[in-house]
Every structure is written in C-alpha cells, then in structure tokens.
Amino acid sequence: MAHVAAVAQAFEENPELPLRITFLIEGEEEIGSPSLKPFLESRKESFADVDMVLLSDTLSPTEEQIVVTVGLRGIAVLDVEVKGPNVDLHSGLHGGAVYNPVQALCEICASLHDDDNRVTVEGFYEGVTDVEDWERDELAKLEADEKAYKETLGVDCLNPMDGYTPFEATRYLPTLEFNGIGGGYQGEGSKTIVPSKAMTKISCRLVGNQDPKAIGDRVRQAILDRAPSGVSISVKMGHEGTPYLVTPPGRPNSPADMPDRLVHAFEATTSAIGEAFGRPPLFLREGGSIPIIADFKSILGLDSVMIGLFLPEDNLHAPNESMNLDVLNRGIEASKRILLSIAQNG
C-alpha cells in the first residue's frame, strides 16, 4: 500500500510522469508462491522492458534508521513423522519393550546440531559464501545491543555459532530450526502411554549459493539414516526458496556489468530515504525469506530494491502484528521520491 499511495501521489503531482509501472500482487508468499513461477515463465515477454522491482516486505531496526535489504535467506521445509506401534500402548504393560517414537524423534532432532549449534548434516554448508568486509562494517553501524536484544526476546543467553555475533548469524549463516513438535498425550493430567507416533516440522534458512532442493534432500536423508530400529520414519518435503543477494553500487565486489538503470535506482533510493527519514539507509542482508525475489532474478533477470518498512516491535508472524503509521507515511514519501528521481533521470 505504501507504493500504491506513492504512485497515486506521484501522478497527482505530475500526470505526465514518464514511467510505466506495473503492480504485481499475489497471495501465496507464506506457502512458497507455487503459482508465481509458472505465471512469470509464461509471461516473460510482458516483462522484457522492466528495469527493476521495488517493494517493501523487509525489516528496519528503528523508525529513524531504514535498511535497504540486499540479501535474503532461502528456505527448505520438511515435515517429519515417526511411527512405532500401531496404537498407543499402556506404558506399564509395554514400556521398556518397544521403542518410544517421541524418544526416537527427540534423539534424531538432538543429533542434527553439535554443541556449537552447527548443523551436523554432511554437506549442509556447501554453497555458503563469505561475508564481505563492507557488510560487517555496515552491520556495525547498527550498534546493536546484545543485552537489549536478550531483554526484548525474554531469554538469558544467545546461541550463535562460534565466531559470529547473534546479529551476524541471523543474516549471514544458514539454520536448521524445529518449528513444532508433538506426539502422545498432551491434555490436562496424565495418560501413561507409549504413543504410536510423533512429529516435527523443520525449516532450513539458506544463504549464498546454497541449493534449497539439495540441502532439503540432505537433511531428509540424514533423518532417515539416523532412525533407530523399531520405528519407521517418513519425511515430506515442503516449499522451498532460493537465497538472493545483490551488491549495491560502490562496494568493492559490486558487479562491473550492473545496468546503469539499477545503479541509479539504488542512488535514488539512498537519496530519497535520506530526505524522508533524515538519515541515509544501511544496506544489509536480512534473515527472512521472500522466495519470489529469487524467482524475479532467475526467471526475469530482475534485481529488487527492498525498503524495510517493518520494525522489530511490529511482531511479524506473531500476536498483535502491527505497522508504525509514521514509518508508513514516510515510506510513501520515500517511494514517491524514488519514482520521481527515476523519471527525471530517464
């Protein structure tokens, strides 16, 4: 809506604005956007003259400090089910004789990380790219406070891999997370059983040149290989998305063949955010995943300029999800200035 309002304001100010603008709206992002890829592939010619993608679905640290997101983690999702006996069993009559599926699942899950929180799946880190010095310098400008971060999250300690700060780990490293786990009786009171099955949901966030299908297959195989005798395991692969990374102009590793139009788009964005928010943006990777961004790149050859208009306190994917209206209004102003700058500079 920030960009819809920005376009409306831009055309009110200049009805002859020399821009061709297309809004592409889809509602499947949270399930991996399965319909978008074939849509883009079937309509490549319609996007032949498109210069760039502009959107806001990313995070900034404060309402004063806006981040232009230049990297997103990819994703691979798995559903795991462990089956033991054909029905729940009386734990007094059968406990100790059969392998408890909840125990088996917990043992498998525990084996997927070592004491340094490093994923123990062979080949899991294949394709992870180095972090550039300019990226670390840019992240340091956030002056992020680990104590405040822990207080915000309500935890006593943080658990990044050795050699990385928590703020580096969430942007630059892949992960394997358990999104949910269940099995057996979970109601009030006790029900002394050996459950017949247990389940967990896993998501892997990926970075750099990691292949989500290859990583997902390796995690799946590792789980199957670690299944103890006495239980059976099924692993269903869910949606996936490829990591995305674009290096903004002026950095040591900026591509020499970056189109002039994209260079100007980044320059216009830097200027517009500085004017609308009172300070220039930071250019950072983000830990979340937006699979369509990599699809735009791989199918249409388009890079994206992503302006973070969400804040940590907006509680994305949580109760009381919200949006700061001042950030929204200034985001509208920034988007309008970007469009006007691009129009004025051809």
Protein backbone atom coordinates (compact mmCIF):
# COMPACT_ATOMS: atom_id res chain seq x y z
CA MET A 1 0.00 0.00 0.00
CA ALA A 2 2.96 2.32 0.57
CA HIS A 3 3.84 2.02 -3.12
CA VAL A 4 0.22 2.26 -4.29
CA ALA A 5 -0.10 5.55 -2.39
CA ALA A 6 3.28 6.74 -3.67
CA VAL A 7 2.27 6.16 -7.28
CA ALA A 8 -1.03 7.98 -6.71
CA GLN A 9 0.78 10.98 -5.22
CA ALA A 10 3.45 10.99 -7.94
CA PHE A 11 0.83 11.10 -10.70
CA GLU A 12 -1.16 13.78 -8.87
CA GLU A 13 1.96 15.94 -8.89
CA ASN A 14 2.91 15.02 -12.47
CA PRO A 15 0.11 13.49 -14.57
CA GLU A 16 2.55 13.10 -17.47
CA LEU A 17 5.07 11.16 -15.40
CA PRO A 18 7.17 9.23 -17.95
CA LEU A 19 7.11 5.89 -16.16
CA ARG A 20 5.46 2.58 -16.96
CA ILE A 21 4.52 0.97 -13.64
CA THR A 22 3.09 -2.49 -13.07
CA PHE A 23 1.78 -3.74 -9.73
CA LEU A 24 2.18 -7.49 -9.33
CA ILE A 25 0.09 -8.77 -6.42
CA GLU A 26 -0.03 -12.38 -5.19
CA GLY A 27 -1.21 -14.03 -2.02
CA GLU A 28 0.79 -17.23 -1.67
CA GLU A 29 4.09 -15.98 -0.24
CA GLU A 30 3.72 -17.88 3.04
CA ILE A 31 3.42 -21.20 1.21
CA GLY A 32 6.28 -20.57 -1.22
CA SER A 33 4.33 -18.84 -4.03
CA PRO A 34 3.80 -22.03 -6.09
CA SER A 35 1.66 -20.27 -8.73
CA LEU A 36 4.02 -17.36 -9.38
CA LYS A 37 6.86 -19.22 -11.11
CA PRO A 38 4.71 -20.63 -13.93
CA PHE A 39 2.98 -17.25 -14.18
CA LEU A 40 6.29 -15.46 -14.71
CA GLU A 41 7.65 -18.13 -17.06
CA SER A 42 4.53 -17.95 -19.26
CA ARG A 43 4.70 -14.15 -19.46
CA LYS A 44 8.41 -13.41 -19.83
CA GLU A 45 7.76 -11.20 -22.84
CA SER A 46 5.47 -8.97 -20.80
CA PHE A 47 8.40 -8.17 -18.51
CA ALA A 48 11.00 -7.69 -21.24
CA ASP A 49 11.22 -3.91 -20.74
CA VAL A 50 11.02 -3.90 -16.94
CA ASP A 51 14.06 -2.31 -15.26
CA MET A 52 13.68 -3.25 -11.60
CA VAL A 53 11.42 -4.43 -8.80
CA LEU A 54 10.56 -2.09 -5.91
CA LEU A 55 8.89 -3.48 -2.80
CA SER A 56 8.67 -3.31 0.99
CA ASP A 57 8.41 -6.61 2.84
CA THR A 58 11.52 -6.38 4.99
CA LEU A 59 12.67 -5.05 8.34
CA SER A 60 14.40 -1.93 9.64
CA PRO A 61 15.83 -1.63 13.18
CA THR A 62 14.17 1.67 14.18
CA GLU A 63 11.78 4.24 12.73
CA GLU A 64 14.74 6.57 12.15
CA GLN A 65 17.16 4.05 10.63
CA ILE A 66 15.83 2.44 7.48
CA VAL A 67 17.53 -0.56 5.89
CA VAL A 68 17.62 -1.36 2.20
CA THR A 69 17.72 -5.13 2.11
CA VAL A 70 20.31 -6.54 -0.30
CA GLY A 71 20.15 -10.20 0.67
CA LEU A 72 17.52 -12.71 1.78
CA ARG A 73 17.92 -16.22 3.07
CA GLY A 74 16.42 -19.07 1.10
CA ILE A 75 14.29 -21.77 2.67
CA ALA A 76 13.62 -25.51 2.63
CA VAL A 77 10.77 -27.00 4.68
CA LEU A 78 10.27 -30.59 5.88
CA ASP A 79 7.55 -32.47 7.78
CA VAL A 80 8.79 -35.49 9.74
CA GLU A 81 6.69 -38.30 11.23
CA VAL A 82 7.99 -41.15 13.38
CA LYS A 83 5.78 -44.22 13.79
CA GLY A 84 6.13 -47.00 16.34
CA PRO A 85 3.37 -49.37 17.50
CA ASN A 86 0.10 -49.37 15.58
CA VAL A 87 -1.80 -47.87 18.56
CA ASP A 88 -0.96 -46.01 21.77
CA LEU A 89 0.18 -48.55 24.36
CA HIS A 90 -0.17 -48.81 28.14
CA SER A 91 3.25 -47.66 29.40
CA GLY A 92 3.12 -50.04 32.34
CA LEU A 93 2.38 -53.11 30.25
CA HIS A 94 4.60 -52.27 27.26
CA GLY A 95 7.05 -49.56 28.33
CA GLY A 96 10.65 -50.77 28.06
CA ALA A 97 9.81 -53.32 25.40
CA VAL A 98 9.11 -51.01 22.41
CA TYR A 99 10.99 -48.00 21.12
CA ASN A 100 9.06 -44.88 22.08
CA PRO A 101 8.52 -42.72 18.94
CA VAL A 102 8.78 -39.50 20.97
CA GLN A 103 12.12 -40.63 22.36
CA ALA A 104 13.32 -41.63 18.88
CA LEU A 105 12.27 -38.29 17.42
CA CYS A 106 13.96 -36.31 20.19
CA GLU A 107 17.18 -38.29 19.71
CA ILE A 108 17.14 -37.62 15.97
CA CYS A 109 16.41 -33.93 16.45
CA ALA A 110 19.17 -33.57 19.05
CA SER A 111 21.66 -35.18 16.67
CA LEU A 112 21.14 -32.53 13.99
CA HIS A 113 23.22 -29.89 15.86
CA ASP A 114 26.50 -30.11 17.75
CA ASP A 115 27.45 -28.23 20.92
CA ASP A 116 28.44 -25.17 18.83
CA ASN A 117 24.95 -25.05 17.25
CA ARG A 118 26.48 -26.17 13.96
CA VAL A 119 24.27 -28.38 11.79
CA THR A 120 25.72 -31.89 11.59
CA VAL A 121 24.24 -32.87 8.22
CA GLU A 122 27.01 -33.70 5.75
CA GLY A 123 27.23 -31.05 3.01
CA PHE A 124 24.82 -28.70 4.77
CA TYR A 125 27.20 -25.72 4.48
CA GLU A 126 28.05 -26.30 0.83
CA GLY A 127 27.47 -23.07 -1.12
CA VAL A 128 27.71 -20.71 1.87
CA THR A 129 29.51 -17.58 0.70
CA ASP A 130 31.96 -15.40 2.62
CA VAL A 131 30.81 -12.23 4.34
CA GLU A 132 32.39 -9.16 2.77
CA ASP A 133 34.21 -6.61 4.94
CA TRP A 134 31.87 -3.82 3.84
CA GLU A 135 28.91 -5.89 5.04
CA ARG A 136 30.41 -6.25 8.52
CA ASP A 137 31.18 -2.52 8.57
CA GLU A 138 27.61 -1.70 7.56
CA LEU A 139 26.20 -4.01 10.23
CA ALA A 140 28.45 -2.44 12.86
CA LYS A 141 26.75 0.92 12.18
CA LEU A 142 23.60 -0.50 13.74
CA GLU A 143 25.39 -0.53 17.11
CA ALA A 144 23.14 -3.44 18.04
CA ASP A 145 22.97 -4.18 21.77
CA GLU A 146 23.02 -7.87 22.72
CA LYS A 147 21.71 -7.15 26.22
CA ALA A 148 18.74 -5.22 24.86
CA TYR A 149 18.16 -7.95 22.28
CA LYS A 150 18.01 -10.61 25.01
CA GLU A 151 15.65 -8.48 27.09
CA THR A 152 13.37 -7.96 24.10
CA LEU A 153 13.25 -11.70 23.46
CA GLY A 154 12.96 -12.64 27.14
CA VAL A 155 15.94 -15.01 27.09
CA ASP A 156 19.00 -15.24 29.36
CA CYS A 157 21.56 -16.06 26.68
CA LEU A 158 22.00 -16.33 22.92
CA ASN A 159 23.37 -19.28 20.98
CA PRO A 160 25.10 -18.27 17.71
CA MET A 161 27.79 -20.39 16.08
CA ASP A 162 31.29 -19.75 17.32
CA GLY A 163 32.94 -16.79 15.58
CA TYR A 164 29.70 -14.96 14.81
CA THR A 165 27.66 -12.42 16.74
CA PRO A 166 23.91 -13.09 17.02
CA PHE A 167 23.28 -10.28 14.54
CA GLU A 168 25.71 -11.79 12.03
CA ALA A 169 24.30 -15.29 12.50
CA THR A 170 20.76 -14.22 11.64
CA ARG A 171 21.87 -12.56 8.39
CA TYR A 172 24.88 -14.50 7.09
CA LEU A 173 24.51 -18.13 8.23
CA PRO A 174 22.14 -20.97 7.33
CA THR A 175 19.99 -22.58 10.00
CA LEU A 176 18.02 -25.70 10.79
CA GLU A 177 15.09 -24.92 13.09
CA PHE A 178 12.36 -27.04 14.65
CA ASN A 179 9.12 -25.13 14.10
CA GLY A 180 6.93 -27.50 16.07
CA ILE A 181 7.00 -30.90 17.74
CA GLY A 182 4.29 -33.21 19.02
CA GLY A 183 3.31 -36.73 19.93
CA GLY A 184 1.37 -38.68 22.51
CA TYR A 185 -0.98 -37.29 25.13
CA GLN A 186 -0.85 -33.54 25.72
CA GLY A 187 -4.06 -32.81 27.59
CA GLU A 188 -4.63 -31.95 31.24
CA GLY A 189 -3.44 -34.50 33.77
CA SER A 190 -1.69 -37.75 32.90
CA LYS A 191 -2.24 -40.52 30.42
CA THR A 192 0.52 -43.05 30.88
CA ILE A 193 1.09 -44.30 27.36
CA VAL A 194 3.76 -45.14 24.85
CA PRO A 195 2.49 -43.08 21.89
CA SER A 196 2.14 -44.65 18.49
CA LYS A 197 3.70 -41.70 16.64
CA ALA A 198 5.43 -38.34 16.94
CA MET A 199 6.08 -35.48 14.51
CA THR A 200 8.15 -32.37 13.96
CA LYS A 201 8.22 -29.58 11.42
CA ILE A 202 11.61 -28.27 10.25
CA SER A 203 12.63 -25.22 8.27
CA CYS A 204 16.14 -24.52 6.98
CA ARG A 205 17.14 -20.94 6.16
CA LEU A 206 19.80 -20.85 3.47
CA VAL A 207 22.36 -18.31 2.27
CA GLY A 208 24.70 -17.54 -0.60
CA ASN A 209 24.70 -20.19 -3.32
CA GLN A 210 23.02 -22.95 -1.33
CA ASP A 211 20.57 -25.05 -3.34
CA PRO A 212 17.34 -25.49 -1.35
CA LYS A 213 16.44 -28.78 -3.02
CA ALA A 214 19.91 -30.24 -2.45
CA ILE A 215 20.03 -29.10 1.18
CA GLY A 216 16.50 -30.34 1.83
CA ASP A 217 17.35 -33.74 0.36
CA ARG A 218 20.49 -33.98 2.53
CA VAL A 219 18.55 -33.16 5.69
CA ARG A 220 15.86 -35.66 4.73
CA GLN A 221 18.45 -38.39 4.14
CA ALA A 222 20.25 -37.62 7.41
CA ILE A 223 16.98 -38.02 9.32
CA LEU A 224 16.22 -41.33 7.61
CA ASP A 225 19.75 -42.60 8.20
CA ARG A 226 19.55 -41.79 11.91
CA ALA A 227 16.27 -43.60 12.52
CA PRO A 228 16.72 -46.31 15.14
CA SER A 229 15.39 -49.82 14.64
CA GLY A 230 11.89 -50.24 15.97
CA VAL A 231 10.38 -47.13 14.41
CA SER A 232 9.65 -46.05 10.85
CA ILE A 233 10.11 -42.51 9.55
CA SER A 234 8.52 -40.58 6.73
CA VAL A 235 9.77 -37.15 5.62
CA LYS A 236 7.60 -34.98 3.40
CA MET A 237 9.30 -32.10 1.59
CA GLY A 238 7.50 -28.76 1.75
CA HIS A 239 8.01 -25.49 -0.11
CA GLU A 240 11.43 -24.08 -0.90
CA GLY A 241 13.02 -20.83 -1.98
CA THR A 242 16.43 -19.80 -3.27
CA PRO A 243 18.62 -17.27 -1.41
CA TYR A 244 19.00 -13.83 -3.00
CA LEU A 245 21.90 -11.38 -2.89
CA VAL A 246 22.59 -8.17 -4.80
CA THR A 247 25.64 -5.99 -4.13
CA PRO A 248 24.78 -2.28 -4.25
CA PRO A 249 26.96 0.00 -6.38
CA GLY A 250 30.13 1.48 -4.94
CA ARG A 251 31.18 -1.63 -2.99
CA PRO A 252 34.45 -3.48 -3.64
CA ASN A 253 32.62 -6.52 -5.01
CA SER A 254 29.93 -4.63 -6.97
CA PRO A 255 29.45 -6.24 -10.39
CA ALA A 256 31.10 -4.26 -13.16
CA ASP A 257 28.21 -5.02 -15.51
CA MET A 258 25.44 -3.70 -13.22
CA PRO A 259 22.94 -1.89 -15.51
CA ASP A 260 23.02 1.90 -15.25
CA ARG A 261 19.29 1.91 -14.51
CA LEU A 262 19.79 -0.29 -11.45
CA VAL A 263 22.74 1.83 -10.30
CA HIS A 264 20.54 4.91 -10.49
CA ALA A 265 17.70 3.12 -8.69
CA PHE A 266 19.99 2.43 -5.72
CA GLU A 267 21.30 6.01 -5.80
CA ALA A 268 17.75 7.38 -5.96
CA THR A 269 16.74 5.14 -3.06
CA THR A 270 19.66 6.31 -0.92
CA SER A 271 18.77 9.95 -1.55
CA ALA A 272 15.01 9.50 -1.11
CA ILE A 273 15.32 7.66 2.21
CA GLY A 274 17.79 10.25 3.48
CA GLU A 275 15.32 13.02 2.66
CA ALA A 276 12.22 11.25 4.02
CA PHE A 277 13.76 9.76 7.18
CA GLY A 278 16.54 12.21 7.99
CA ARG A 279 19.46 9.81 7.57
CA PRO A 280 20.76 7.58 4.77
CA PRO A 281 19.82 3.91 4.75
CA LEU A 282 22.03 0.99 5.66
CA PHE A 283 22.46 -1.80 3.11
CA LEU A 284 22.14 -5.14 4.87
CA ARG A 285 21.15 -8.73 4.32
CA GLU A 286 18.10 -9.98 6.20
CA GLY A 287 17.43 -13.33 7.79
CA GLY A 288 13.95 -13.83 6.38
CA SER A 289 12.95 -15.39 3.07
CA ILE A 290 10.92 -13.99 0.17
CA PRO A 291 11.19 -16.72 -2.49
CA ILE A 292 9.64 -14.55 -5.22
CA ILE A 293 12.68 -12.22 -5.17
CA ALA A 294 14.99 -15.01 -6.35
CA ASP A 295 12.31 -16.01 -8.89
CA PHE A 296 12.30 -12.49 -10.35
CA LYS A 297 16.07 -12.76 -10.71
CA SER A 298 16.29 -16.29 -12.12
CA ILE A 299 13.30 -16.09 -14.48
CA LEU A 300 13.20 -12.42 -15.50
CA GLY A 301 16.76 -11.32 -14.73
CA LEU A 302 15.43 -8.56 -12.46
CA ASP A 303 17.05 -7.31 -9.28
CA SER A 304 15.00 -5.85 -6.45
CA VAL A 305 15.25 -2.72 -4.33
CA MET A 306 13.72 -3.66 -0.96
CA ILE A 307 12.92 -0.92 1.55
CA GLY A 308 12.34 -2.12 5.11
CA LEU A 309 9.14 -0.58 6.49
CA PHE A 310 8.55 -3.09 9.30
CA LEU A 311 10.08 -2.65 12.76
CA PRO A 312 11.03 -5.29 15.36
CA GLU A 313 8.14 -4.24 17.60
CA ASP A 314 5.65 -4.85 14.78
CA ASN A 315 5.66 -8.56 15.77
CA LEU A 316 5.71 -10.12 12.31
CA HIS A 317 4.10 -13.60 12.33
CA ALA A 318 3.06 -13.08 15.97
CA PRO A 319 0.09 -11.85 18.01
CA ASN A 320 -0.66 -8.11 17.78
CA GLU A 321 1.11 -7.75 14.43
CA SER A 322 1.15 -4.07 13.58
CA MET A 323 2.68 -1.31 11.48
CA ASN A 324 4.06 2.07 12.52
CA LEU A 325 1.97 4.68 10.69
CA ASP A 326 4.74 7.29 10.77
CA VAL A 327 7.08 4.83 9.06
CA LEU A 328 4.32 4.02 6.57
CA ASN A 329 3.78 7.68 5.71
CA ARG A 330 7.48 8.41 5.37
CA GLY A 331 7.82 5.23 3.33
CA ILE A 332 5.19 6.59 0.95
CA GLU A 333 7.20 9.80 0.64
CA ALA A 334 10.43 7.89 0.01
CA SER A 335 8.81 5.67 -2.63
CA LYS A 336 7.37 8.71 -4.39
CA ARG A 337 10.77 10.43 -4.42
CA ILE A 338 12.37 7.30 -5.89
CA LEU A 339 9.84 7.21 -8.71
CA LEU A 340 10.21 10.93 -9.46
CA SER A 341 14.01 10.65 -9.48
CA ILE A 342 13.95 7.70 -11.87
CA ALA A 343 11.53 9.56 -14.16
CA GLN A 344 13.59 12.75 -14.15
CA ASN A 345 16.80 10.89 -14.95
CA GLY A 346 15.45 8.81 -17.78
